[in-house]
Amino acid sequence: RNLMGESLGSMSPRDLKQLEGRLEKGINKIRTKKNELLFAEIEYMQKRELELQNGNMYLRNKIAENERAQQQINMLPSTTEYGVMAPYDSRNLLQVNLMQSNQ
């Protein structure tokens, strides 16, 4: 109860001073631990930031690479050679082969 600030009226000045010292030590330990946790979190976030920056750089490079490749493809001359091919029909091939063997 004394740590919560209750029932202090019956305590002597010396006891109050000791209680105050214990409370200050406890508060200092709490603050130290809190600061350690905050610094660890900051360090983690800084590492994560670098990872994200590196990931973004990689993705930007990939996008630029794909855009360059697309531009090169678009610059190729479009001729009928690269057009749509007729579907393969095995029946036509067989007829041609039979006709060639009869000759």
PDB file of N, CA and C in Angstrom:
ATOM      1  N   ARG A   1       0.839  -1.197   0.000  1.00  0.00           N
ATOM      2  CA  ARG A   1       0.000   0.000   0.000  1.00  0.00           C
ATOM      3  C   ARG A   1       0.869   1.241   0.000  1.00  0.00           C
ATOM      4  N   ASN A   2       2.008   1.165   0.675  1.00  0.00           N
ATOM      5  CA  ASN A   2       2.881   2.332   0.727  1.00  0.00           C
ATOM      6  C   ASN A   2       3.399   2.689  -0.674  1.00  0.00           C
ATOM      7  N   LEU A   3       3.663   1.672  -1.476  1.00  0.00           N
ATOM      8  CA  LEU A   3       4.165   1.926  -2.830  1.00  0.00           C
ATOM      9  C   LEU A   3       3.128   2.645  -3.685  1.00  0.00           C
ATOM     10  N   MET A   4       1.869   2.485  -3.338  1.00  0.00           N
ATOM     11  CA  MET A   4       0.793   3.141  -4.067  1.00  0.00           C
ATOM     12  C   MET A   4       0.471   4.517  -3.483  1.00  0.00           C
ATOM     13  N   GLY A   5       1.189   4.920  -2.465  1.00  0.00           N
ATOM     14  CA  GLY A   5       0.962   6.225  -1.850  1.00  0.00           C
ATOM     15  C   GLY A   5      -0.113   6.224  -0.790  1.00  0.00           C
ATOM     16  N   GLU A   6      -0.508   5.047  -0.332  1.00  0.00           N
ATOM     17  CA  GLU A   6      -1.545   4.945   0.693  1.00  0.00           C
ATOM     18  C   GLU A   6      -0.906   4.653   2.045  1.00  0.00           C
ATOM     19  N   SER A   7      -1.580   5.035   3.085  1.00  0.00           N
ATOM     20  CA  SER A   7      -1.148   4.802   4.477  1.00  0.00           C
ATOM     21  C   SER A   7       0.244   5.367   4.744  1.00  0.00           C
ATOM     22  N   LEU A   8       0.500   6.558   4.260  1.00  0.00           N
ATOM     23  CA  LEU A   8       1.812   7.174   4.470  1.00  0.00           C
ATOM     24  C   LEU A   8       1.850   8.023   5.739  1.00  0.00           C
ATOM     25  N   GLY A   9       0.687   8.353   6.287  1.00  0.00           N
ATOM     26  CA  GLY A   9       0.620   9.228   7.457  1.00  0.00           C
ATOM     27  C   GLY A   9       1.316   8.661   8.674  1.00  0.00           C
ATOM     28  N   SER A  10       1.341   7.361   8.826  1.00  0.00           N
ATOM     29  CA  SER A  10       1.939   6.743  10.011  1.00  0.00           C
ATOM     30  C   SER A  10       3.435   6.489   9.837  1.00  0.00           C
ATOM     31  N   MET A  11       4.006   6.802   8.662  1.00  0.00           N
ATOM     32  CA  MET A  11       5.429   6.521   8.412  1.00  0.00           C
ATOM     33  C   MET A  11       6.289   7.672   8.904  1.00  0.00           C
ATOM     34  N   SER A  12       7.476   7.313   9.385  1.00  0.00           N
ATOM     35  CA  SER A  12       8.430   8.324   9.846  1.00  0.00           C
ATOM     36  C   SER A  12       9.108   8.955   8.627  1.00  0.00           C
ATOM     37  N   PRO A  13       9.693  10.132   8.808  1.00  0.00           N
ATOM     38  CA  PRO A  13      10.412  10.772   7.693  1.00  0.00           C
ATOM     39  C   PRO A  13      11.518   9.874   7.118  1.00  0.00           C
ATOM     40  N   ARG A  14      12.187   9.119   7.989  1.00  0.00           N
ATOM     41  CA  ARG A  14      13.259   8.225   7.529  1.00  0.00           C
ATOM     42  C   ARG A  14      12.680   7.120   6.650  1.00  0.00           C
ATOM     43  N   ASP A  15      11.553   6.532   7.069  1.00  0.00           N
ATOM     44  CA  ASP A  15      10.903   5.487   6.279  1.00  0.00           C
ATOM     45  C   ASP A  15      10.401   6.037   4.939  1.00  0.00           C
ATOM     46  N   LEU A  16       9.884   7.266   4.980  1.00  0.00           N
ATOM     47  CA  LEU A  16       9.427   7.892   3.739  1.00  0.00           C
ATOM     48  C   LEU A  16      10.588   8.098   2.764  1.00  0.00           C
ATOM     49  N   LYS A  17      11.734   8.502   3.313  1.00  0.00           N
ATOM     50  CA  LYS A  17      12.925   8.710   2.483  1.00  0.00           C
ATOM     51  C   LYS A  17      13.375   7.387   1.853  1.00  0.00           C
ATOM     52  N   GLN A  18      13.348   6.302   2.626  1.00  0.00           N
ATOM     53  CA  GLN A  18      13.723   4.987   2.099  1.00  0.00           C
ATOM     54  C   GLN A  18      12.736   4.533   1.015  1.00  0.00           C
ATOM     55  N   LEU A  19      11.465   4.757   1.277  1.00  0.00           N
ATOM     56  CA  LEU A  19      10.440   4.395   0.301  1.00  0.00           C
ATOM     57  C   LEU A  19      10.634   5.183  -0.996  1.00  0.00           C
ATOM     58  N   GLU A  20      10.925   6.460  -0.844  1.00  0.00           N
ATOM     59  CA  GLU A  20      11.171   7.306  -2.011  1.00  0.00           C
ATOM     60  C   GLU A  20      12.370   6.787  -2.819  1.00  0.00           C
ATOM     61  N   GLY A  21      13.431   6.404  -2.118  1.00  0.00           N
ATOM     62  CA  GLY A  21      14.621   5.860  -2.794  1.00  0.00           C
ATOM     63  C   GLY A  21      14.297   4.580  -3.555  1.00  0.00           C
ATOM     64  N   ARG A  22      13.533   3.689  -2.925  1.00  0.00           N
ATOM     65  CA  ARG A  22      13.151   2.433  -3.591  1.00  0.00           C
ATOM     66  C   ARG A  22      12.288   2.704  -4.826  1.00  0.00           C
ATOM     67  N   LEU A  23      11.367   3.654  -4.671  1.00  0.00           N
ATOM     68  CA  LEU A  23      10.511   3.997  -5.806  1.00  0.00           C
ATOM     69  C   LEU A  23      11.330   4.582  -6.961  1.00  0.00           C
ATOM     70  N   GLU A  24      12.283   5.450  -6.643  1.00  0.00           N
ATOM     71  CA  GLU A  24      13.123   6.045  -7.687  1.00  0.00           C
ATOM     72  C   GLU A  24      13.966   4.987  -8.391  1.00  0.00           C
ATOM     73  N   LYS A  25      14.504   4.026  -7.618  1.00  0.00           N
ATOM     74  CA  LYS A  25      15.270   2.935  -8.235  1.00  0.00           C
ATOM     75  C   LYS A  25      14.384   2.119  -9.168  1.00  0.00           C
ATOM     76  N   GLY A  26      13.179   1.829  -8.708  1.00  0.00           N
ATOM     77  CA  GLY A  26      12.240   1.064  -9.538  1.00  0.00           C
ATOM     78  C   GLY A  26      11.878   1.808 -10.816  1.00  0.00           C
ATOM     79  N   ILE A  27      11.616   3.109 -10.669  1.00  0.00           N
ATOM     80  CA  ILE A  27      11.279   3.921 -11.845  1.00  0.00           C
ATOM     81  C   ILE A  27      12.456   3.961 -12.815  1.00  0.00           C
ATOM     82  N   ASN A  28      13.681   4.093 -12.282  1.00  0.00           N
ATOM     83  CA  ASN A  28      14.866   4.122 -13.147  1.00  0.00           C
ATOM     84  C   ASN A  28      15.039   2.809 -13.907  1.00  0.00           C
ATOM     85  N   LYS A  29      14.786   1.680 -13.227  1.00  0.00           N
ATOM     86  CA  LYS A  29      14.874   0.380 -13.909  1.00  0.00           C
ATOM     87  C   LYS A  29      13.832   0.284 -15.019  1.00  0.00           C
ATOM     88  N   ILE A  30      12.635   0.760 -14.718  1.00  0.00           N
ATOM     89  CA  ILE A  30      11.558   0.731 -15.717  1.00  0.00           C
ATOM     90  C   ILE A  30      11.928   1.595 -16.914  1.00  0.00           C
ATOM     91  N   ARG A  31      12.432   2.797 -16.666  1.00  0.00           N
ATOM     92  CA  ARG A  31      12.821   3.698 -17.760  1.00  0.00           C
ATOM     93  C   ARG A  31      13.961   3.110 -18.587  1.00  0.00           C
ATOM     94  N   THR A  32      14.920   2.488 -17.909  1.00  0.00           N
ATOM     95  CA  THR A  32      16.039   1.868 -18.618  1.00  0.00           C
ATOM     96  C   THR A  32      15.540   0.761 -19.532  1.00  0.00           C
ATOM     97  N   LYS A  33      14.675  -0.083 -19.013  1.00  0.00           N
ATOM     98  CA  LYS A  33      14.129  -1.184 -19.812  1.00  0.00           C
ATOM     99  C   LYS A  33      13.302  -0.646 -20.972  1.00  0.00           C
ATOM    100  N   LYS A  34      12.505   0.373 -20.716  1.00  0.00           N
ATOM    101  CA  LYS A  34      11.687   0.979 -21.768  1.00  0.00           C
ATOM    102  C   LYS A  34      12.577   1.536 -22.877  1.00  0.00           C
ATOM    103  N   ASN A  35      13.655   2.230 -22.502  1.00  0.00           N
ATOM    104  CA  ASN A  35      14.577   2.789 -23.491  1.00  0.00           C
ATOM    105  C   ASN A  35      15.267   1.691 -24.300  1.00  0.00           C
ATOM    106  N   GLU A  36      15.650   0.599 -23.629  1.00  0.00           N
ATOM    107  CA  GLU A  36      16.267  -0.524 -24.343  1.00  0.00           C
ATOM    108  C   GLU A  36      15.310  -1.073 -25.396  1.00  0.00           C
ATOM    109  N   LEU A  37      14.056  -1.241 -25.006  1.00  0.00           N
ATOM    110  CA  LEU A  37      13.062  -1.761 -25.945  1.00  0.00           C
ATOM    111  C   LEU A  37      12.825  -0.795 -27.103  1.00  0.00           C
ATOM    112  N   LEU A  38      12.767   0.495 -26.797  1.00  0.00           N
ATOM    113  CA  LEU A  38      12.563   1.489 -27.851  1.00  0.00           C
ATOM    114  C   LEU A  38      13.742   1.514 -28.821  1.00  0.00           C
ATOM    115  N   PHE A  39      14.969   1.458 -28.297  1.00  0.00           N
ATOM    116  CA  PHE A  39      16.149   1.455 -29.166  1.00  0.00           C
ATOM    117  C   PHE A  39      16.195   0.193 -30.022  1.00  0.00           C
ATOM    118  N   ALA A  40      15.816  -0.939 -29.445  1.00  0.00           N
ATOM    119  CA  ALA A  40      15.773  -2.182 -30.218  1.00  0.00           C
ATOM    120  C   ALA A  40      14.731  -2.073 -31.334  1.00  0.00           C
ATOM    121  N   GLU A  41      13.595  -1.480 -31.028  1.00  0.00           N
ATOM    122  CA  GLU A  41      12.552  -1.298 -32.034  1.00  0.00           C
ATOM    123  C   GLU A  41      13.020  -0.342 -33.131  1.00  0.00           C
ATOM    124  N   ILE A  42      13.697   0.725 -32.756  1.00  0.00           N
ATOM    125  CA  ILE A  42      14.230   1.675 -33.742  1.00  0.00           C
ATOM    126  C   ILE A  42      15.241   0.983 -34.648  1.00  0.00           C
ATOM    127  N   GLU A  43      16.122   0.193 -34.054  1.00  0.00           N
ATOM    128  CA  GLU A  43      17.131  -0.526 -34.837  1.00  0.00           C
ATOM    129  C   GLU A  43      16.461  -1.493 -35.820  1.00  0.00           C
ATOM    130  N   TYR A  44      15.454  -2.210 -35.345  1.00  0.00           N
ATOM    131  CA  TYR A  44      14.721  -3.130 -36.213  1.00  0.00           C
ATOM    132  C   TYR A  44      14.063  -2.370 -37.367  1.00  0.00           C
ATOM    133  N   MET A  45      13.443  -1.249 -37.046  1.00  0.00           N
ATOM    134  CA  MET A  45      12.761  -0.462 -38.077  1.00  0.00           C
ATOM    135  C   MET A  45      13.749   0.099 -39.099  1.00  0.00           C
ATOM    136  N   GLN A  46      14.938   0.496 -38.656  1.00  0.00           N
ATOM    137  CA  GLN A  46      15.947   0.997 -39.585  1.00  0.00           C
ATOM    138  C   GLN A  46      16.413  -0.114 -40.526  1.00  0.00           C
ATOM    139  N   LYS A  47      16.607  -1.318 -39.992  1.00  0.00           N
ATOM    140  CA  LYS A  47      16.986  -2.450 -40.846  1.00  0.00           C
ATOM    141  C   LYS A  47      15.869  -2.768 -41.827  1.00  0.00           C
ATOM    142  N   ARG A  48      14.650  -2.732 -41.341  1.00  0.00           N
ATOM    143  CA  ARG A  48      13.499  -3.017 -42.211  1.00  0.00           C
ATOM    144  C   ARG A  48      13.384  -1.970 -43.316  1.00  0.00           C
ATOM    145  N   GLU A  49      13.658  -0.710 -42.956  1.00  0.00           N
ATOM    146  CA  GLU A  49      13.624   0.363 -43.946  1.00  0.00           C
ATOM    147  C   GLU A  49      14.634   0.096 -45.062  1.00  0.00           C
ATOM    148  N   LEU A  50      15.847  -0.320 -44.693  1.00  0.00           N
ATOM    149  CA  LEU A  50      16.866  -0.639 -45.695  1.00  0.00           C
ATOM    150  C   LEU A  50      16.428  -1.807 -46.575  1.00  0.00           C
ATOM    151  N   GLU A  51      15.849  -2.829 -45.960  1.00  0.00           N
ATOM    152  CA  GLU A  51      15.360  -3.971 -46.738  1.00  0.00           C
ATOM    153  C   GLU A  51      14.298  -3.532 -47.742  1.00  0.00           C
ATOM    154  N   LEU A  52      13.390  -2.678 -47.301  1.00  0.00           N
ATOM    155  CA  LEU A  52      12.334  -2.203 -48.191  1.00  0.00           C
ATOM    156  C   LEU A  52      12.901  -1.328 -49.306  1.00  0.00           C
ATOM    157  N   GLN A  53      13.874  -0.480 -48.971  1.00  0.00           N
ATOM    158  CA  GLN A  53      14.509   0.351 -49.994  1.00  0.00           C
ATOM    159  C   GLN A  53      15.211  -0.520 -51.030  1.00  0.00           C
ATOM    160  N   ASN A  54      15.919  -1.551 -50.571  1.00  0.00           N
ATOM    161  CA  ASN A  54      16.595  -2.462 -51.499  1.00  0.00           C
ATOM    162  C   ASN A  54      15.585  -3.202 -52.367  1.00  0.00           C
ATOM    163  N   GLY A  55      14.497  -3.636 -51.761  1.00  0.00           N
ATOM    164  CA  GLY A  55      13.446  -4.307 -52.520  1.00  0.00           C
ATOM    165  C   GLY A  55      12.826  -3.388 -53.563  1.00  0.00           C
ATOM    166  N   ASN A  56      12.589  -2.144 -53.184  1.00  0.00           N
ATOM    167  CA  ASN A  56      12.040  -1.171 -54.127  1.00  0.00           C
ATOM    168  C   ASN A  56      13.005  -0.919 -55.280  1.00  0.00           C
ATOM    169  N   MET A  57      14.289  -0.805 -54.966  1.00  0.00           N
ATOM    170  CA  MET A  57      15.295  -0.580 -56.004  1.00  0.00           C
ATOM    171  C   MET A  57      15.320  -1.759 -56.977  1.00  0.00           C
ATOM    172  N   TYR A  58      15.263  -2.975 -56.443  1.00  0.00           N
ATOM    173  CA  TYR A  58      15.252  -4.175 -57.282  1.00  0.00           C
ATOM    174  C   TYR A  58      14.037  -4.156 -58.213  1.00  0.00           C
ATOM    175  N   LEU A  59      12.870  -3.840 -57.653  1.00  0.00           N
ATOM    176  CA  LEU A  59      11.650  -3.820 -58.459  1.00  0.00           C
ATOM    177  C   LEU A  59      11.686  -2.714 -59.510  1.00  0.00           C
ATOM    178  N   ARG A  60      12.215  -1.546 -59.159  1.00  0.00           N
ATOM    179  CA  ARG A  60      12.342  -0.460 -60.141  1.00  0.00           C
ATOM    180  C   ARG A  60      13.253  -0.881 -61.291  1.00  0.00           C
ATOM    181  N   ASN A  61      14.360  -1.552 -60.956  1.00  0.00           N
ATOM    182  CA  ASN A  61      15.276  -2.024 -61.997  1.00  0.00           C
ATOM    183  C   ASN A  61      14.597  -3.048 -62.898  1.00  0.00           C
ATOM    184  N   LYS A  62      13.816  -3.952 -62.303  1.00  0.00           N
ATOM    185  CA  LYS A  62      13.102  -4.953 -63.091  1.00  0.00           C
ATOM    186  C   LYS A  62      12.086  -4.283 -64.021  1.00  0.00           C
ATOM    187  N   ILE A  63      11.381  -3.288 -63.516  1.00  0.00           N
ATOM    188  CA  ILE A  63      10.405  -2.566 -64.337  1.00  0.00           C
ATOM    189  C   ILE A  63      11.109  -1.885 -65.500  1.00  0.00           C
ATOM    190  N   ALA A  64      12.225  -1.202 -65.217  1.00  0.00           N
ATOM    191  CA  ALA A  64      12.977  -0.525 -66.271  1.00  0.00           C
ATOM    192  C   ALA A  64      13.490  -1.533 -67.299  1.00  0.00           C
ATOM    193  N   GLU A  65      13.969  -2.665 -66.835  1.00  0.00           N
ATOM    194  CA  GLU A  65      14.460  -3.719 -67.732  1.00  0.00           C
ATOM    195  C   GLU A  65      13.336  -4.228 -68.632  1.00  0.00           C
ATOM    196  N   ASN A  66      12.171  -4.457 -68.055  1.00  0.00           N
ATOM    197  CA  ASN A  66      11.022  -4.922 -68.840  1.00  0.00           C
ATOM    198  C   ASN A  66      10.561  -3.867 -69.839  1.00  0.00           C
ATOM    199  N   GLU A  67      10.602  -2.596 -69.434  1.00  0.00           N
ATOM    200  CA  GLU A  67      10.213  -1.521 -70.349  1.00  0.00           C
ATOM    201  C   GLU A  67      11.184  -1.439 -71.521  1.00  0.00           C
ATOM    202  N   ARG A  68      12.486  -1.583 -71.244  1.00  0.00           N
ATOM    203  CA  ARG A  68      13.478  -1.569 -72.330  1.00  0.00           C
ATOM    204  C   ARG A  68      13.244  -2.740 -73.282  1.00  0.00           C
ATOM    205  N   ALA A  69      12.981  -3.908 -72.732  1.00  0.00           N
ATOM    206  CA  ALA A  69      12.725  -5.080 -73.570  1.00  0.00           C
ATOM    207  C   ALA A  69      11.472  -4.870 -74.410  1.00  0.00           C
ATOM    208  N   GLN A  70      10.448  -4.288 -73.821  1.00  0.00           N
ATOM    209  CA  GLN A  70       9.208  -4.031 -74.559  1.00  0.00           C
ATOM    210  C   GLN A  70       9.451  -3.029 -75.679  1.00  0.00           C
ATOM    211  N   GLN A  71      10.260  -2.005 -75.429  1.00  0.00           N
ATOM    212  CA  GLN A  71      10.581  -1.025 -76.467  1.00  0.00           C
ATOM    213  C   GLN A  71      11.340  -1.680 -77.610  1.00  0.00           C
ATOM    214  N   GLN A  72      12.256  -2.587 -77.288  1.00  0.00           N
ATOM    215  CA  GLN A  72      13.004  -3.276 -78.339  1.00  0.00           C
ATOM    216  C   GLN A  72      12.076  -4.152 -79.170  1.00  0.00           C
ATOM    217  N   ILE A  73      11.138  -4.810 -78.521  1.00  0.00           N
ATOM    218  CA  ILE A  73      10.171  -5.642 -79.245  1.00  0.00           C
ATOM    219  C   ILE A  73       9.311  -4.770 -80.153  1.00  0.00           C
ATOM    220  N   ASN A  74       8.897  -3.621 -79.648  1.00  0.00           N
ATOM    221  CA  ASN A  74       8.058  -2.721 -80.439  1.00  0.00           C
ATOM    222  C   ASN A  74       8.815  -2.141 -81.628  1.00  0.00           C
ATOM    223  N   MET A  75      10.130  -2.059 -81.549  1.00  0.00           N
ATOM    224  CA  MET A  75      10.938  -1.498 -82.629  1.00  0.00           C
ATOM    225  C   MET A  75      11.196  -2.511 -83.742  1.00  0.00           C
ATOM    226  N   LEU A  76      10.953  -3.795 -83.506  1.00  0.00           N
ATOM    227  CA  LEU A  76      11.153  -4.809 -84.535  1.00  0.00           C
ATOM    228  C   LEU A  76      10.156  -4.579 -85.664  1.00  0.00           C
ATOM    229  N   PRO A  77      10.604  -4.765 -86.922  1.00  0.00           N
ATOM    230  CA  PRO A  77       9.658  -4.580 -88.032  1.00  0.00           C
ATOM    231  C   PRO A  77       8.615  -5.689 -88.007  1.00  0.00           C
ATOM    232  N   SER A  78       7.382  -5.292 -88.211  1.00  0.00           N
ATOM    233  CA  SER A  78       6.322  -6.303 -88.212  1.00  0.00           C
ATOM    234  C   SER A  78       6.072  -6.715 -89.654  1.00  0.00           C
ATOM    235  N   THR A  79       6.390  -7.954 -89.954  1.00  0.00           N
ATOM    236  CA  THR A  79       6.183  -8.486 -91.299  1.00  0.00           C
ATOM    237  C   THR A  79       5.237  -9.660 -91.207  1.00  0.00           C
ATOM    238  N   THR A  80       4.837 -10.141 -92.361  1.00  0.00           N
ATOM    239  CA  THR A  80       3.918 -11.274 -92.372  1.00  0.00           C
ATOM    240  C   THR A  80       4.596 -12.538 -91.884  1.00  0.00           C
ATOM    241  N   GLU A  81       5.923 -12.564 -91.929  1.00  0.00           N
ATOM    242  CA  GLU A  81       6.635 -13.741 -91.450  1.00  0.00           C
ATOM    243  C   GLU A  81       6.359 -13.987 -89.969  1.00  0.00           C
ATOM    244  N   TYR A  82       6.169 -12.904 -89.235  1.00  0.00           N
ATOM    245  CA  TYR A  82       5.924 -13.036 -87.807  1.00  0.00           C
ATOM    246  C   TYR A  82       4.436 -13.045 -87.493  1.00  0.00           C
ATOM    247  N   GLY A  83       3.621 -13.083 -88.543  1.00  0.00           N
ATOM    248  CA  GLY A  83       2.181 -13.037 -88.354  1.00  0.00           C
ATOM    249  C   GLY A  83       1.658 -14.356 -87.830  1.00  0.00           C
ATOM    250  N   VAL A  84       0.349 -14.488 -87.878  1.00  0.00           N
ATOM    251  CA  VAL A  84      -0.298 -15.691 -87.365  1.00  0.00           C
ATOM    252  C   VAL A  84      -0.079 -16.827 -88.356  1.00  0.00           C
ATOM    253  N   MET A  85       0.354 -17.959 -87.861  1.00  0.00           N
ATOM    254  CA  MET A  85       0.573 -19.125 -88.714  1.00  0.00           C
ATOM    255  C   MET A  85      -0.740 -19.892 -88.852  1.00  0.00           C
ATOM    256  N   ALA A  86      -0.890 -20.548 -90.010  1.00  0.00           N
ATOM    257  CA  ALA A  86      -2.087 -21.359 -90.237  1.00  0.00           C
ATOM    258  C   ALA A  86      -2.043 -22.560 -89.308  1.00  0.00           C
ATOM    259  N   PRO A  87      -3.185 -23.003 -88.836  1.00  0.00           N
ATOM    260  CA  PRO A  87      -3.187 -24.162 -87.935  1.00  0.00           C
ATOM    261  C   PRO A  87      -2.713 -25.415 -88.669  1.00  0.00           C
ATOM    262  N   TYR A  88      -2.071 -26.278 -87.966  1.00  0.00           N
ATOM    263  CA  TYR A  88      -1.527 -27.523 -88.521  1.00  0.00           C
ATOM    264  C   TYR A  88      -2.658 -28.522 -88.709  1.00  0.00           C
ATOM    265  N   ASP A  89      -2.738 -29.048 -89.879  1.00  0.00           N
ATOM    266  CA  ASP A  89      -3.768 -30.048 -90.171  1.00  0.00           C
ATOM    267  C   ASP A  89      -3.061 -31.289 -90.696  1.00  0.00           C
ATOM    268  N   SER A  90      -3.034 -32.334 -89.910  1.00  0.00           N
ATOM    269  CA  SER A  90      -2.291 -33.541 -90.279  1.00  0.00           C
ATOM    270  C   SER A  90      -2.889 -34.230 -91.497  1.00  0.00           C
ATOM    271  N   ARG A  91      -4.168 -34.033 -91.759  1.00  0.00           N
ATOM    272  CA  ARG A  91      -4.792 -34.669 -92.926  1.00  0.00           C
ATOM    273  C   ARG A  91      -4.211 -34.111 -94.219  1.00  0.00           C
ATOM    274  N   ASN A  92      -3.949 -32.814 -94.254  1.00  0.00           N
ATOM    275  CA  ASN A  92      -3.361 -32.213 -95.453  1.00  0.00           C
ATOM    276  C   ASN A  92      -1.955 -32.745 -95.685  1.00  0.00           C
ATOM    277  N   LEU A  93      -1.199 -32.912 -94.641  1.00  0.00           N
ATOM    278  CA  LEU A  93       0.164 -33.403 -94.764  1.00  0.00           C
ATOM    279  C   LEU A  93       0.167 -34.828 -95.292  1.00  0.00           C
ATOM    280  N   LEU A  94      -0.732 -35.625 -94.815  1.00  0.00           N
ATOM    281  CA  LEU A  94      -0.816 -37.010 -95.265  1.00  0.00           C
ATOM    282  C   LEU A  94      -1.159 -37.072 -96.752  1.00  0.00           C
ATOM    283  N   GLN A  95      -2.064 -36.257 -97.191  1.00  0.00           N
ATOM    284  CA  GLN A  95      -2.439 -36.243 -98.607  1.00  0.00           C
ATOM    285  C   GLN A  95      -1.262 -35.817 -99.472  1.00  0.00           C
ATOM    286  N   VAL A  96      -0.533 -34.834 -99.052  1.00  0.00           N
ATOM    287  CA  VAL A  96       0.624 -34.370 -99.818  1.00  0.00           C
ATOM    288  C   VAL A  96       1.659 -35.476 -99.883  1.00  0.00           C
ATOM    289  N   ASN A  97       1.901 -36.157 -98.791  1.00  0.00           N
ATOM    290  CA  ASN A  97       2.884 -37.235 -98.769  1.00  0.00           C
ATOM    291  C   ASN A  97       2.467 -38.387 -99.673  1.00  0.00           C
ATOM    292  N   LEU A  98       1.205 -38.731 -99.686  1.00  0.00           N
ATOM    293  CA  LEU A  98       0.727 -39.814-100.542  1.00  0.00           C
ATOM    294  C   LEU A  98       0.842 -39.445-102.010  1.00  0.00           C
ATOM    295  N   MET A  99       0.557 -38.198-102.293  1.00  0.00           N
ATOM    296  CA  MET A  99       0.637 -37.753-103.677  1.00  0.00           C
ATOM    297  C   MET A  99       2.080 -37.735-104.150  1.00  0.00           C
ATOM    298  N   GLN A 100       2.994 -37.373-103.300  1.00  0.00           N
ATOM    299  CA  GLN A 100       4.403 -37.319-103.684  1.00  0.00           C
ATOM    300  C   GLN A 100       4.957 -38.717-103.896  1.00  0.00           C
ATOM    301  N   SER A 101       4.511 -39.711-103.164  1.00  0.00           N
ATOM    302  CA  SER A 101       5.036 -41.065-103.311  1.00  0.00           C
ATOM    303  C   SER A 101       4.521 -41.739-104.572  1.00  0.00           C
ATOM    304  N   ASN A 102       3.371 -41.313-105.097  1.00  0.00           N
ATOM    305  CA  ASN A 102       2.820 -41.897-106.317  1.00  0.00           C
ATOM    306  C   ASN A 102       3.538 -41.397-107.551  1.00  0.00           C
ATOM    307  N   GLN A 103       4.158 -40.302-107.491  1.00  0.00           N
ATOM    308  CA  GLN A 103       4.785 -39.713-108.672  1.00  0.00           C
ATOM    309  C   GLN A 103       6.038 -40.367-109.040  1.00  0.00           C
TER     310      GLN A 103
END
